[in-house]
Amino acid sequence: MIGRGVLGDPWLIKQIVQYLDSGTYEPIA
């Protein structure tokens, strides 16, 4: 569960989903 880390950075959600899935993720917005 992620909370304050998402504030101003909802991209973190997708990065975690990608990383858990494939070990890689898209760069920071």
mmCIF file of all heavy atoms, coordinates in Angstrom:
data_MODEL
# 
_entry.id   MODEL 
# 
loop_
_atom_site.group_PDB 
_atom_site.id 
_atom_site.type_symbol 
_atom_site.label_atom_id 
_atom_site.label_alt_id 
_atom_site.label_comp_id 
_atom_site.label_asym_id 
_atom_site.label_entity_id 
_atom_site.label_seq_id 
_atom_site.pdbx_PDB_ins_code 
_atom_site.Cartn_x 
_atom_site.Cartn_y 
_atom_site.Cartn_z 
_atom_site.occupancy 
_atom_site.B_iso_or_equiv 
_atom_site.pdbx_formal_charge 
_atom_site.auth_seq_id 
_atom_site.auth_comp_id 
_atom_site.auth_asym_id 
_atom_site.auth_atom_id 
_atom_site.pdbx_PDB_model_num 
ATOM 1   N N   . MET A 1 1  ? 0.845  -1.189 0.000   1.00 0.00 ? 1  MET A N   1 
ATOM 2   C CA  . MET A 1 1  ? 0.000  0.000  0.000   1.00 0.00 ? 1  MET A CA  1 
ATOM 3   C C   . MET A 1 1  ? 0.880  1.237  0.000   1.00 0.00 ? 1  MET A C   1 
ATOM 4   O O   . MET A 1 1  ? 1.768  1.370  0.841   1.00 0.00 ? 1  MET A O   1 
ATOM 5   C CB  . MET A 1 1  ? -0.898 -0.006 1.239   1.00 0.00 ? 1  MET A CB  1 
ATOM 6   C CG  . MET A 1 1  ? -1.811 1.195  1.341   1.00 0.00 ? 1  MET A CG  1 
ATOM 7   S SD  . MET A 1 1  ? -2.826 1.122  2.846   1.00 0.00 ? 1  MET A SD  1 
ATOM 8   C CE  . MET A 1 1  ? -4.237 0.206  2.250   1.00 0.00 ? 1  MET A CE  1 
ATOM 9   N N   . ILE A 1 2  ? 0.629  2.127  -0.980  1.00 0.00 ? 2  ILE A N   1 
ATOM 10  C CA  . ILE A 1 2  ? 1.413  3.361  -1.045  1.00 0.00 ? 2  ILE A CA  1 
ATOM 11  C C   . ILE A 1 2  ? 0.505  4.547  -0.751  1.00 0.00 ? 2  ILE A C   1 
ATOM 12  O O   . ILE A 1 2  ? -0.629 4.605  -1.194  1.00 0.00 ? 2  ILE A O   1 
ATOM 13  C CB  . ILE A 1 2  ? 2.125  3.536  -2.411  1.00 0.00 ? 2  ILE A CB  1 
ATOM 14  C CG1 . ILE A 1 2  ? 1.188  3.220  -3.587  1.00 0.00 ? 2  ILE A CG1 1 
ATOM 15  C CG2 . ILE A 1 2  ? 3.355  2.659  -2.475  1.00 0.00 ? 2  ILE A CG2 1 
ATOM 16  C CD1 . ILE A 1 2  ? 1.795  3.448  -4.943  1.00 0.00 ? 2  ILE A CD1 1 
ATOM 17  N N   . GLY A 1 3  ? 1.035  5.478  0.031   1.00 0.00 ? 3  GLY A N   1 
ATOM 18  C CA  . GLY A 1 3  ? 0.259  6.640  0.438   1.00 0.00 ? 3  GLY A CA  1 
ATOM 19  C C   . GLY A 1 3  ? 0.931  7.925  0.020   1.00 0.00 ? 3  GLY A C   1 
ATOM 20  O O   . GLY A 1 3  ? 0.820  8.371  -1.121  1.00 0.00 ? 3  GLY A O   1 
ATOM 21  N N   . ARG A 1 4  ? 1.710  8.497  0.924   1.00 0.00 ? 4  ARG A N   1 
ATOM 22  C CA  . ARG A 1 4  ? 2.285  9.829  0.678   1.00 0.00 ? 4  ARG A CA  1 
ATOM 23  C C   . ARG A 1 4  ? 3.238  9.858  -0.519  1.00 0.00 ? 4  ARG A C   1 
ATOM 24  O O   . ARG A 1 4  ? 3.429  10.905 -1.131  1.00 0.00 ? 4  ARG A O   1 
ATOM 25  C CB  . ARG A 1 4  ? 2.986  10.330 1.952   1.00 0.00 ? 4  ARG A CB  1 
ATOM 26  C CG  . ARG A 1 4  ? 1.975  10.693 3.049   1.00 0.00 ? 4  ARG A CG  1 
ATOM 27  C CD  . ARG A 1 4  ? 2.628  10.942 4.391   1.00 0.00 ? 4  ARG A CD  1 
ATOM 28  N NE  . ARG A 1 4  ? 3.320  9.770  4.904   1.00 0.00 ? 4  ARG A NE  1 
ATOM 29  C CZ  . ARG A 1 4  ? 4.299  9.798  5.792   1.00 0.00 ? 4  ARG A CZ  1 
ATOM 30  N NH1 . ARG A 1 4  ? 4.722  10.950 6.266   1.00 0.00 ? 4  ARG A NH1 1 
ATOM 31  N NH2 . ARG A 1 4  ? 4.854  8.685  6.215   1.00 0.00 ? 4  ARG A NH2 1 
ATOM 32  N N   . GLY A 1 5  ? 3.806  8.702  -0.864  1.00 0.00 ? 5  GLY A N   1 
ATOM 33  C CA  . GLY A 1 5  ? 4.713  8.647  -2.027  1.00 0.00 ? 5  GLY A CA  1 
ATOM 34  C C   . GLY A 1 5  ? 4.034  8.994  -3.338  1.00 0.00 ? 5  GLY A C   1 
ATOM 35  O O   . GLY A 1 5  ? 4.680  9.363  -4.326  1.00 0.00 ? 5  GLY A O   1 
ATOM 36  N N   . VAL A 1 6  ? 2.699  8.883  -3.379  1.00 0.00 ? 6  VAL A N   1 
ATOM 37  C CA  . VAL A 1 6  ? 1.934  9.131  -4.615  1.00 0.00 ? 6  VAL A CA  1 
ATOM 38  C C   . VAL A 1 6  ? 1.597  10.614 -4.783  1.00 0.00 ? 6  VAL A C   1 
ATOM 39  O O   . VAL A 1 6  ? 1.247  11.054 -5.866  1.00 0.00 ? 6  VAL A O   1 
ATOM 40  C CB  . VAL A 1 6  ? 0.623  8.297  -4.591  1.00 0.00 ? 6  VAL A CB  1 
ATOM 41  C CG1 . VAL A 1 6  ? -0.224 8.522  -5.820  1.00 0.00 ? 6  VAL A CG1 1 
ATOM 42  C CG2 . VAL A 1 6  ? 0.925  6.824  -4.451  1.00 0.00 ? 6  VAL A CG2 1 
ATOM 43  N N   . LEU A 1 7  ? 1.704  11.396 -3.698  1.00 0.00 ? 7  LEU A N   1 
ATOM 44  C CA  . LEU A 1 7  ? 1.303  12.802 -3.756  1.00 0.00 ? 7  LEU A CA  1 
ATOM 45  C C   . LEU A 1 7  ? 2.191  13.576 -4.735  1.00 0.00 ? 7  LEU A C   1 
ATOM 46  O O   . LEU A 1 7  ? 3.405  13.660 -4.568  1.00 0.00 ? 7  LEU A O   1 
ATOM 47  C CB  . LEU A 1 7  ? 1.351  13.434 -2.359  1.00 0.00 ? 7  LEU A CB  1 
ATOM 48  C CG  . LEU A 1 7  ? 0.442  12.748 -1.325  1.00 0.00 ? 7  LEU A CG  1 
ATOM 49  C CD1 . LEU A 1 7  ? 0.598  13.380 0.041   1.00 0.00 ? 7  LEU A CD1 1 
ATOM 50  C CD2 . LEU A 1 7  ? -1.012 12.766 -1.771  1.00 0.00 ? 7  LEU A CD2 1 
ATOM 51  N N   . GLY A 1 8  ? 1.570  14.106 -5.765  1.00 0.00 ? 8  GLY A N   1 
ATOM 52  C CA  . GLY A 1 8  ? 2.313  14.803 -6.817  1.00 0.00 ? 8  GLY A CA  1 
ATOM 53  C C   . GLY A 1 8  ? 3.035  13.864 -7.755  1.00 0.00 ? 8  GLY A C   1 
ATOM 54  O O   . GLY A 1 8  ? 3.682  14.292 -8.710  1.00 0.00 ? 8  GLY A O   1 
ATOM 55  N N   . ASP A 1 9  ? 2.931  12.558 -7.506  1.00 0.00 ? 9  ASP A N   1 
ATOM 56  C CA  . ASP A 1 9  ? 3.646  11.575 -8.327  1.00 0.00 ? 9  ASP A CA  1 
ATOM 57  C C   . ASP A 1 9  ? 2.823  10.287 -8.521  1.00 0.00 ? 9  ASP A C   1 
ATOM 58  O O   . ASP A 1 9  ? 3.237  9.210  -8.112  1.00 0.00 ? 9  ASP A O   1 
ATOM 59  C CB  . ASP A 1 9  ? 4.999  11.242 -7.674  1.00 0.00 ? 9  ASP A CB  1 
ATOM 60  C CG  . ASP A 1 9  ? 5.860  10.324 -8.536  1.00 0.00 ? 9  ASP A CG  1 
ATOM 61  O OD1 . ASP A 1 9  ? 5.567  10.203 -9.750  1.00 0.00 ? 9  ASP A OD1 1 
ATOM 62  O OD2 . ASP A 1 9  ? 6.803  9.717  -8.008  1.00 0.00 ? 9  ASP A OD2 1 
ATOM 63  N N   . PRO A 1 10 ? 1.636  10.408 -9.163  1.00 0.00 ? 10 PRO A N   1 
ATOM 64  C CA  . PRO A 1 10 ? 0.849  9.188  -9.395  1.00 0.00 ? 10 PRO A CA  1 
ATOM 65  C C   . PRO A 1 10 ? 1.542  8.204  -10.336 1.00 0.00 ? 10 PRO A C   1 
ATOM 66  O O   . PRO A 1 10 ? 1.175  7.035  -10.387 1.00 0.00 ? 10 PRO A O   1 
ATOM 67  C CB  . PRO A 1 10 ? -0.459 9.725  -10.001 1.00 0.00 ? 10 PRO A CB  1 
ATOM 68  C CG  . PRO A 1 10 ? -0.104 11.058 -10.570 1.00 0.00 ? 10 PRO A CG  1 
ATOM 69  C CD  . PRO A 1 10 ? 0.972  11.613 -9.690  1.00 0.00 ? 10 PRO A CD  1 
ATOM 70  N N   . TRP A 1 11 ? 2.573  8.674  -11.032 1.00 0.00 ? 11 TRP A N   1 
ATOM 71  C CA  . TRP A 1 11 ? 3.354  7.793  -11.922 1.00 0.00 ? 11 TRP A CA  1 
ATOM 72  C C   . TRP A 1 11 ? 4.006  6.657  -11.136 1.00 0.00 ? 11 TRP A C   1 
ATOM 73  O O   . TRP A 1 11 ? 4.277  5.592  -11.681 1.00 0.00 ? 11 TRP A O   1 
ATOM 74  C CB  . TRP A 1 11 ? 4.432  8.598  -12.665 1.00 0.00 ? 11 TRP A CB  1 
ATOM 75  C CG  . TRP A 1 11 ? 3.854  9.579  -13.625 1.00 0.00 ? 11 TRP A CG  1 
ATOM 76  C CD1 . TRP A 1 11 ? 3.582  9.371  -14.951 1.00 0.00 ? 11 TRP A CD1 1 
ATOM 77  C CD2 . TRP A 1 11 ? 3.455  10.926 -13.344 1.00 0.00 ? 11 TRP A CD2 1 
ATOM 78  N NE1 . TRP A 1 11 ? 3.026  10.507 -15.505 1.00 0.00 ? 11 TRP A NE1 1 
ATOM 79  C CE2 . TRP A 1 11 ? 2.942  11.477 -14.553 1.00 0.00 ? 11 TRP A CE2 1 
ATOM 80  C CE3 . TRP A 1 11 ? 3.468  11.727 -12.203 1.00 0.00 ? 11 TRP A CE3 1 
ATOM 81  C CZ2 . TRP A 1 11 ? 2.458  12.782 -14.643 1.00 0.00 ? 11 TRP A CZ2 1 
ATOM 82  C CZ3 . TRP A 1 11 ? 2.982  13.023 -12.289 1.00 0.00 ? 11 TRP A CZ3 1 
ATOM 83  C CH2 . TRP A 1 11 ? 2.484  13.541 -13.491 1.00 0.00 ? 11 TRP A CH2 1 
ATOM 84  N N   . LEU A 1 12 ? 4.232  6.897  -9.842  1.00 0.00 ? 12 LEU A N   1 
ATOM 85  C CA  . LEU A 1 12 ? 4.847  5.864  -8.998  1.00 0.00 ? 12 LEU A CA  1 
ATOM 86  C C   . LEU A 1 12 ? 4.015  4.576  -9.010  1.00 0.00 ? 12 LEU A C   1 
ATOM 87  O O   . LEU A 1 12 ? 4.561  3.472  -8.957  1.00 0.00 ? 12 LEU A O   1 
ATOM 88  C CB  . LEU A 1 12 ? 5.000  6.387  -7.555  1.00 0.00 ? 12 LEU A CB  1 
ATOM 89  C CG  . LEU A 1 12 ? 5.586  5.408  -6.529  1.00 0.00 ? 12 LEU A CG  1 
ATOM 90  C CD1 . LEU A 1 12 ? 7.019  5.011  -6.900  1.00 0.00 ? 12 LEU A CD1 1 
ATOM 91  C CD2 . LEU A 1 12 ? 5.555  6.005  -5.126  1.00 0.00 ? 12 LEU A CD2 1 
ATOM 92  N N   . ILE A 1 13 ? 2.689  4.723  -9.087  1.00 0.00 ? 13 ILE A N   1 
ATOM 93  C CA  . ILE A 1 13 ? 1.807  3.542  -9.103  1.00 0.00 ? 13 ILE A CA  1 
ATOM 94  C C   . ILE A 1 13 ? 2.177  2.650  -10.283 1.00 0.00 ? 13 ILE A C   1 
ATOM 95  O O   . ILE A 1 13 ? 2.421  1.443  -10.128 1.00 0.00 ? 13 ILE A O   1 
ATOM 96  C CB  . ILE A 1 13 ? 0.323  3.973  -9.207  1.00 0.00 ? 13 ILE A CB  1 
ATOM 97  C CG1 . ILE A 1 13 ? -0.079 4.832  -8.012  1.00 0.00 ? 13 ILE A CG1 1 
ATOM 98  C CG2 . ILE A 1 13 ? -0.593 2.750  -9.359  1.00 0.00 ? 13 ILE A CG2 1 
ATOM 99  C CD1 . ILE A 1 13 ? -1.384 5.615  -8.219  1.00 0.00 ? 13 ILE A CD1 1 
ATOM 100 N N   . LYS A 1 14 ? 2.216  3.258  -11.463 1.00 0.00 ? 14 LYS A N   1 
ATOM 101 C CA  . LYS A 1 14 ? 2.506  2.501  -12.686 1.00 0.00 ? 14 LYS A CA  1 
ATOM 102 C C   . LYS A 1 14 ? 3.922  1.930  -12.657 1.00 0.00 ? 14 LYS A C   1 
ATOM 103 O O   . LYS A 1 14 ? 4.166  0.801  -13.097 1.00 0.00 ? 14 LYS A O   1 
ATOM 104 C CB  . LYS A 1 14 ? 2.327  3.415  -13.907 1.00 0.00 ? 14 LYS A CB  1 
ATOM 105 C CG  . LYS A 1 14 ? 2.310  2.662  -15.234 1.00 0.00 ? 14 LYS A CG  1 
ATOM 106 C CD  . LYS A 1 14 ? 2.034  3.625  -16.366 1.00 0.00 ? 14 LYS A CD  1 
ATOM 107 C CE  . LYS A 1 14 ? 2.077  2.916  -17.708 1.00 0.00 ? 14 LYS A CE  1 
ATOM 108 N NZ  . LYS A 1 14 ? 1.938  3.873  -18.814 1.00 0.00 ? 14 LYS A NZ  1 
ATOM 109 N N   . GLN A 1 15 ? 4.858  2.724  -12.128 1.00 0.00 ? 15 GLN A N   1 
ATOM 110 C CA  . GLN A 1 15 ? 6.247  2.249  -12.046 1.00 0.00 ? 15 GLN A CA  1 
ATOM 111 C C   . GLN A 1 15 ? 6.343  0.990  -11.183 1.00 0.00 ? 15 GLN A C   1 
ATOM 112 O O   . GLN A 1 15 ? 7.041  0.040  -11.537 1.00 0.00 ? 15 GLN A O   1 
ATOM 113 C CB  . GLN A 1 15 ? 7.151  3.350  -11.474 1.00 0.00 ? 15 GLN A CB  1 
ATOM 114 C CG  . GLN A 1 15 ? 7.391  4.499  -12.445 1.00 0.00 ? 15 GLN A CG  1 
ATOM 115 C CD  . GLN A 1 15 ? 8.208  5.613  -11.813 1.00 0.00 ? 15 GLN A CD  1 
ATOM 116 O OE1 . GLN A 1 15 ? 8.167  5.837  -10.607 1.00 0.00 ? 15 GLN A OE1 1 
ATOM 117 N NE2 . GLN A 1 15 ? 8.958  6.324  -12.630 1.00 0.00 ? 15 GLN A NE2 1 
ATOM 118 N N   . ILE A 1 16 ? 5.626  0.978  -10.054 1.00 0.00 ? 16 ILE A N   1 
ATOM 119 C CA  . ILE A 1 16 ? 5.666  -0.199 -9.176  1.00 0.00 ? 16 ILE A CA  1 
ATOM 120 C C   . ILE A 1 16 ? 5.006  -1.391 -9.853  1.00 0.00 ? 16 ILE A C   1 
ATOM 121 O O   . ILE A 1 16 ? 5.542  -2.502 -9.832  1.00 0.00 ? 16 ILE A O   1 
ATOM 122 C CB  . ILE A 1 16 ? 5.024  0.108  -7.798  1.00 0.00 ? 16 ILE A CB  1 
ATOM 123 C CG1 . ILE A 1 16 ? 5.848  1.157  -7.052  1.00 0.00 ? 16 ILE A CG1 1 
ATOM 124 C CG2 . ILE A 1 16 ? 4.917  -1.170 -6.963  1.00 0.00 ? 16 ILE A CG2 1 
ATOM 125 C CD1 . ILE A 1 16 ? 5.253  1.615  -5.723  1.00 0.00 ? 16 ILE A CD1 1 
ATOM 126 N N   . VAL A 1 17 ? 3.845  -1.153 -10.484 1.00 0.00 ? 17 VAL A N   1 
ATOM 127 C CA  . VAL A 1 17 ? 3.162  -2.241 -11.205 1.00 0.00 ? 17 VAL A CA  1 
ATOM 128 C C   . VAL A 1 17 ? 4.112  -2.842 -12.243 1.00 0.00 ? 17 VAL A C   1 
ATOM 129 O O   . VAL A 1 17 ? 4.276  -4.066 -12.331 1.00 0.00 ? 17 VAL A O   1 
ATOM 130 C CB  . VAL A 1 17 ? 1.853  -1.745 -11.869 1.00 0.00 ? 17 VAL A CB  1 
ATOM 131 C CG1 . VAL A 1 17 ? 1.260  -2.827 -12.776 1.00 0.00 ? 17 VAL A CG1 1 
ATOM 132 C CG2 . VAL A 1 17 ? 0.829  -1.329 -10.822 1.00 0.00 ? 17 VAL A CG2 1 
ATOM 133 N N   . GLN A 1 18 ? 4.759  -1.974 -13.017 1.00 0.00 ? 18 GLN A N   1 
ATOM 134 C CA  . GLN A 1 18 ? 5.687  -2.444 -14.070 1.00 0.00 ? 18 GLN A CA  1 
ATOM 135 C C   . GLN A 1 18 ? 6.884  -3.188 -13.471 1.00 0.00 ? 18 GLN A C   1 
ATOM 136 O O   . GLN A 1 18 ? 7.277  -4.247 -13.972 1.00 0.00 ? 18 GLN A O   1 
ATOM 137 C CB  . GLN A 1 18 ? 6.212  -1.241 -14.883 1.00 0.00 ? 18 GLN A CB  1 
ATOM 138 C CG  . GLN A 1 18 ? 5.193  -0.631 -15.809 1.00 0.00 ? 18 GLN A CG  1 
ATOM 139 C CD  . GLN A 1 18 ? 5.730  0.616  -16.500 1.00 0.00 ? 18 GLN A CD  1 
ATOM 140 O OE1 . GLN A 1 18 ? 6.630  1.293  -16.009 1.00 0.00 ? 18 GLN A OE1 1 
ATOM 141 N NE2 . GLN A 1 18 ? 5.170  0.940  -17.649 1.00 0.00 ? 18 GLN A NE2 1 
ATOM 142 N N   . TYR A 1 19 ? 7.435  -2.621 -12.411 1.00 0.00 ? 19 TYR A N   1 
ATOM 143 C CA  . TYR A 1 19 ? 8.647  -3.206 -11.819 1.00 0.00 ? 19 TYR A CA  1 
ATOM 144 C C   . TYR A 1 19 ? 8.371  -4.583 -11.224 1.00 0.00 ? 19 TYR A C   1 
ATOM 145 O O   . TYR A 1 19 ? 9.164  -5.517 -11.375 1.00 0.00 ? 19 TYR A O   1 
ATOM 146 C CB  . TYR A 1 19 ? 9.191  -2.262 -10.743 1.00 0.00 ? 19 TYR A CB  1 
ATOM 147 C CG  . TYR A 1 19 ? 10.549 -2.645 -10.207 1.00 0.00 ? 19 TYR A CG  1 
ATOM 148 C CD1 . TYR A 1 19 ? 11.679 -2.597 -11.026 1.00 0.00 ? 19 TYR A CD1 1 
ATOM 149 C CD2 . TYR A 1 19 ? 10.722 -3.042 -8.880  1.00 0.00 ? 19 TYR A CD2 1 
ATOM 150 C CE1 . TYR A 1 19 ? 12.936 -2.936 -10.539 1.00 0.00 ? 19 TYR A CE1 1 
ATOM 151 C CE2 . TYR A 1 19 ? 11.963 -3.378 -8.384  1.00 0.00 ? 19 TYR A CE2 1 
ATOM 152 C CZ  . TYR A 1 19 ? 13.070 -3.322 -9.215  1.00 0.00 ? 19 TYR A CZ  1 
ATOM 153 O OH  . TYR A 1 19 ? 14.315 -3.664 -8.723  1.00 0.00 ? 19 TYR A OH  1 
ATOM 154 N N   . LEU A 1 20 ? 7.222  -4.734 -10.568 1.00 0.00 ? 20 LEU A N   1 
ATOM 155 C CA  . LEU A 1 20 ? 6.876  -6.033 -9.979  1.00 0.00 ? 20 LEU A CA  1 
ATOM 156 C C   . LEU A 1 20 ? 6.594  -7.058 -11.073 1.00 0.00 ? 20 LEU A C   1 
ATOM 157 O O   . LEU A 1 20 ? 6.794  -8.253 -10.894 1.00 0.00 ? 20 LEU A O   1 
ATOM 158 C CB  . LEU A 1 20 ? 5.656  -5.906 -9.057  1.00 0.00 ? 20 LEU A CB  1 
ATOM 159 C CG  . LEU A 1 20 ? 5.833  -5.022 -7.817  1.00 0.00 ? 20 LEU A CG  1 
ATOM 160 C CD1 . LEU A 1 20 ? 4.563  -5.012 -6.979  1.00 0.00 ? 20 LEU A CD1 1 
ATOM 161 C CD2 . LEU A 1 20 ? 7.027  -5.467 -6.962  1.00 0.00 ? 20 LEU A CD2 1 
ATOM 162 N N   . ASP A 1 21 ? 6.146  -6.549 -12.211 1.00 0.00 ? 21 ASP A N   1 
ATOM 163 C CA  . ASP A 1 21 ? 5.790  -7.412 -13.335 1.00 0.00 ? 21 ASP A CA  1 
ATOM 164 C C   . ASP A 1 21 ? 6.996  -7.833 -14.168 1.00 0.00 ? 21 ASP A C   1 
ATOM 165 O O   . ASP A 1 21 ? 7.138  -8.991 -14.542 1.00 0.00 ? 21 ASP A O   1 
ATOM 166 C CB  . ASP A 1 21 ? 4.815  -6.621 -14.226 1.00 0.00 ? 21 ASP A CB  1 
ATOM 167 C CG  . ASP A 1 21 ? 3.783  -7.511 -14.868 1.00 0.00 ? 21 ASP A CG  1 
ATOM 168 O OD1 . ASP A 1 21 ? 3.578  -8.628 -14.370 1.00 0.00 ? 21 ASP A OD1 1 
ATOM 169 O OD2 . ASP A 1 21 ? 3.183  -7.089 -15.864 1.00 0.00 ? 21 ASP A OD2 1 
ATOM 170 N N   . SER A 1 22 ? 7.883  -6.848 -14.428 1.00 0.00 ? 22 SER A N   1 
ATOM 171 C CA  . SER A 1 22 ? 8.946  -7.105 -15.419 1.00 0.00 ? 22 SER A CA  1 
ATOM 172 C C   . SER A 1 22 ? 10.363 -6.785 -14.945 1.00 0.00 ? 22 SER A C   1 
ATOM 173 O O   . SER A 1 22 ? 11.332 -7.073 -15.646 1.00 0.00 ? 22 SER A O   1 
ATOM 174 C CB  . SER A 1 22 ? 8.667  -6.268 -16.672 1.00 0.00 ? 22 SER A CB  1 
ATOM 175 O OG  . SER A 1 22 ? 8.771  -4.887 -16.350 1.00 0.00 ? 22 SER A OG  1 
ATOM 176 N N   . GLY A 1 23 ? 10.483 -6.139 -13.774 1.00 0.00 ? 23 GLY A N   1 
ATOM 177 C CA  . GLY A 1 23 ? 11.820 -5.771 -13.293 1.00 0.00 ? 23 GLY A CA  1 
ATOM 178 C C   . GLY A 1 23 ? 12.332 -4.466 -13.868 1.00 0.00 ? 23 GLY A C   1 
ATOM 179 O O   . GLY A 1 23 ? 13.442 -4.036 -13.578 1.00 0.00 ? 23 GLY A O   1 
ATOM 180 N N   . THR A 1 24 ? 11.520 -3.815 -14.718 1.00 0.00 ? 24 THR A N   1 
ATOM 181 C CA  . THR A 1 24 ? 11.905 -2.500 -15.271 1.00 0.00 ? 24 THR A CA  1 
ATOM 182 C C   . THR A 1 24 ? 10.710 -1.558 -15.149 1.00 0.00 ? 24 THR A C   1 
ATOM 183 O O   . THR A 1 24 ? 9.590  -2.005 -14.940 1.00 0.00 ? 24 THR A O   1 
ATOM 184 C CB  . THR A 1 24 ? 12.292 -2.585 -16.774 1.00 0.00 ? 24 THR A CB  1 
ATOM 185 O OG1 . THR A 1 24 ? 11.151 -3.059 -17.490 1.00 0.00 ? 24 THR A OG1 1 
ATOM 186 C CG2 . THR A 1 24 ? 13.471 -3.508 -17.002 1.00 0.00 ? 24 THR A CG2 1 
ATOM 187 N N   . TYR A 1 25 ? 10.983 -0.248 -15.289 1.00 0.00 ? 25 TYR A N   1 
ATOM 188 C CA  . TYR A 1 25 ? 9.876  0.713  -15.256 1.00 0.00 ? 25 TYR A CA  1 
ATOM 189 C C   . TYR A 1 25 ? 10.270 1.967  -16.017 1.00 0.00 ? 25 TYR A C   1 
ATOM 190 O O   . TYR A 1 25 ? 11.453 2.241  -16.238 1.00 0.00 ? 25 TYR A O   1 
ATOM 191 C CB  . TYR A 1 25 ? 9.467  1.055  -13.828 1.00 0.00 ? 25 TYR A CB  1 
ATOM 192 C CG  . TYR A 1 25 ? 10.561 1.613  -12.944 1.00 0.00 ? 25 TYR A CG  1 
ATOM 193 C CD1 . TYR A 1 25 ? 10.791 2.981  -12.855 1.00 0.00 ? 25 TYR A CD1 1 
ATOM 194 C CD2 . TYR A 1 25 ? 11.377 0.764  -12.191 1.00 0.00 ? 25 TYR A CD2 1 
ATOM 195 C CE1 . TYR A 1 25 ? 11.792 3.488  -12.046 1.00 0.00 ? 25 TYR A CE1 1 
ATOM 196 C CE2 . TYR A 1 25 ? 12.382 1.260  -11.372 1.00 0.00 ? 25 TYR A CE2 1 
ATOM 197 C CZ  . TYR A 1 25 ? 12.582 2.621  -11.299 1.00 0.00 ? 25 TYR A CZ  1 
ATOM 198 O OH  . TYR A 1 25 ? 13.586 3.124  -10.509 1.00 0.00 ? 25 TYR A OH  1 
ATOM 199 N N   . GLU A 1 26 ? 9.247  2.719  -16.408 1.00 0.00 ? 26 GLU A N   1 
ATOM 200 C CA  . GLU A 1 26 ? 9.474  3.945  -17.180 1.00 0.00 ? 26 GLU A CA  1 
ATOM 201 C C   . GLU A 1 26 ? 10.089 5.029  -16.297 1.00 0.00 ? 26 GLU A C   1 
ATOM 202 O O   . GLU A 1 26 ? 9.846  5.058  -15.098 1.00 0.00 ? 26 GLU A O   1 
ATOM 203 C CB  . GLU A 1 26 ? 8.136  4.443  -17.753 1.00 0.00 ? 26 GLU A CB  1 
ATOM 204 C CG  . GLU A 1 26 ? 7.632  3.582  -18.891 1.00 0.00 ? 26 GLU A CG  1 
ATOM 205 C CD  . GLU A 1 26 ? 6.206  3.919  -19.293 1.00 0.00 ? 26 GLU A CD  1 
ATOM 206 O OE1 . GLU A 1 26 ? 5.735  5.027  -18.953 1.00 0.00 ? 26 GLU A OE1 1 
ATOM 207 O OE2 . GLU A 1 26 ? 5.568  3.062  -19.924 1.00 0.00 ? 26 GLU A OE2 1 
ATOM 208 N N   . PRO A 1 27 ? 10.875 5.927  -16.897 1.00 0.00 ? 27 PRO A N   1 
ATOM 209 C CA  . PRO A 1 27 ? 11.523 6.976  -16.103 1.00 0.00 ? 27 PRO A CA  1 
ATOM 210 C C   . PRO A 1 27 ? 10.518 7.926  -15.450 1.00 0.00 ? 27 PRO A C   1 
ATOM 211 O O   . PRO A 1 27 ? 9.345  7.957  -15.811 1.00 0.00 ? 27 PRO A O   1 
ATOM 212 C CB  . PRO A 1 27 ? 12.387 7.725  -17.130 1.00 0.00 ? 27 PRO A CB  1 
ATOM 213 C CG  . PRO A 1 27 ? 11.805 7.382  -18.457 1.00 0.00 ? 27 PRO A CG  1 
ATOM 214 C CD  . PRO A 1 27 ? 11.229 6.020  -18.321 1.00 0.00 ? 27 PRO A CD  1 
ATOM 215 N N   . ILE A 1 28 ? 11.027 8.688  -14.502 1.00 0.00 ? 28 ILE A N   1 
ATOM 216 C CA  . ILE A 1 28 ? 10.211 9.659  -13.766 1.00 0.00 ? 28 ILE A CA  1 
ATOM 217 C C   . ILE A 1 28 ? 9.631  10.693 -14.735 1.00 0.00 ? 28 ILE A C   1 
ATOM 218 O O   . ILE A 1 28 ? 10.293 11.104 -15.697 1.00 0.00 ? 28 ILE A O   1 
ATOM 219 C CB  . ILE A 1 28 ? 11.084 10.343 -12.681 1.00 0.00 ? 28 ILE A CB  1 
ATOM 220 C CG1 . ILE A 1 28 ? 11.410 9.303  -11.592 1.00 0.00 ? 28 ILE A CG1 1 
ATOM 221 C CG2 . ILE A 1 28 ? 10.414 11.554 -12.077 1.00 0.00 ? 28 ILE A CG2 1 
ATOM 222 C CD1 . ILE A 1 28 ? 12.557 9.645  -10.708 1.00 0.00 ? 28 ILE A CD1 1 
ATOM 223 N N   . ALA A 1 29 ? 8.409  11.131 -14.482 1.00 0.00 ? 29 ALA A N   1 
ATOM 224 C CA  . ALA A 1 29 ? 7.731  12.112 -15.339 1.00 0.00 ? 29 ALA A CA  1 
ATOM 225 C C   . ALA A 1 29 ? 8.481  13.447 -15.332 1.00 0.00 ? 29 ALA A C   1 
ATOM 226 O O   . ALA A 1 29 ? 9.041  13.851 -14.314 1.00 0.00 ? 29 ALA A O   1 
ATOM 227 C CB  . ALA A 1 29 ? 6.309  12.318 -14.838 1.00 0.00 ? 29 ALA A CB  1 
# 
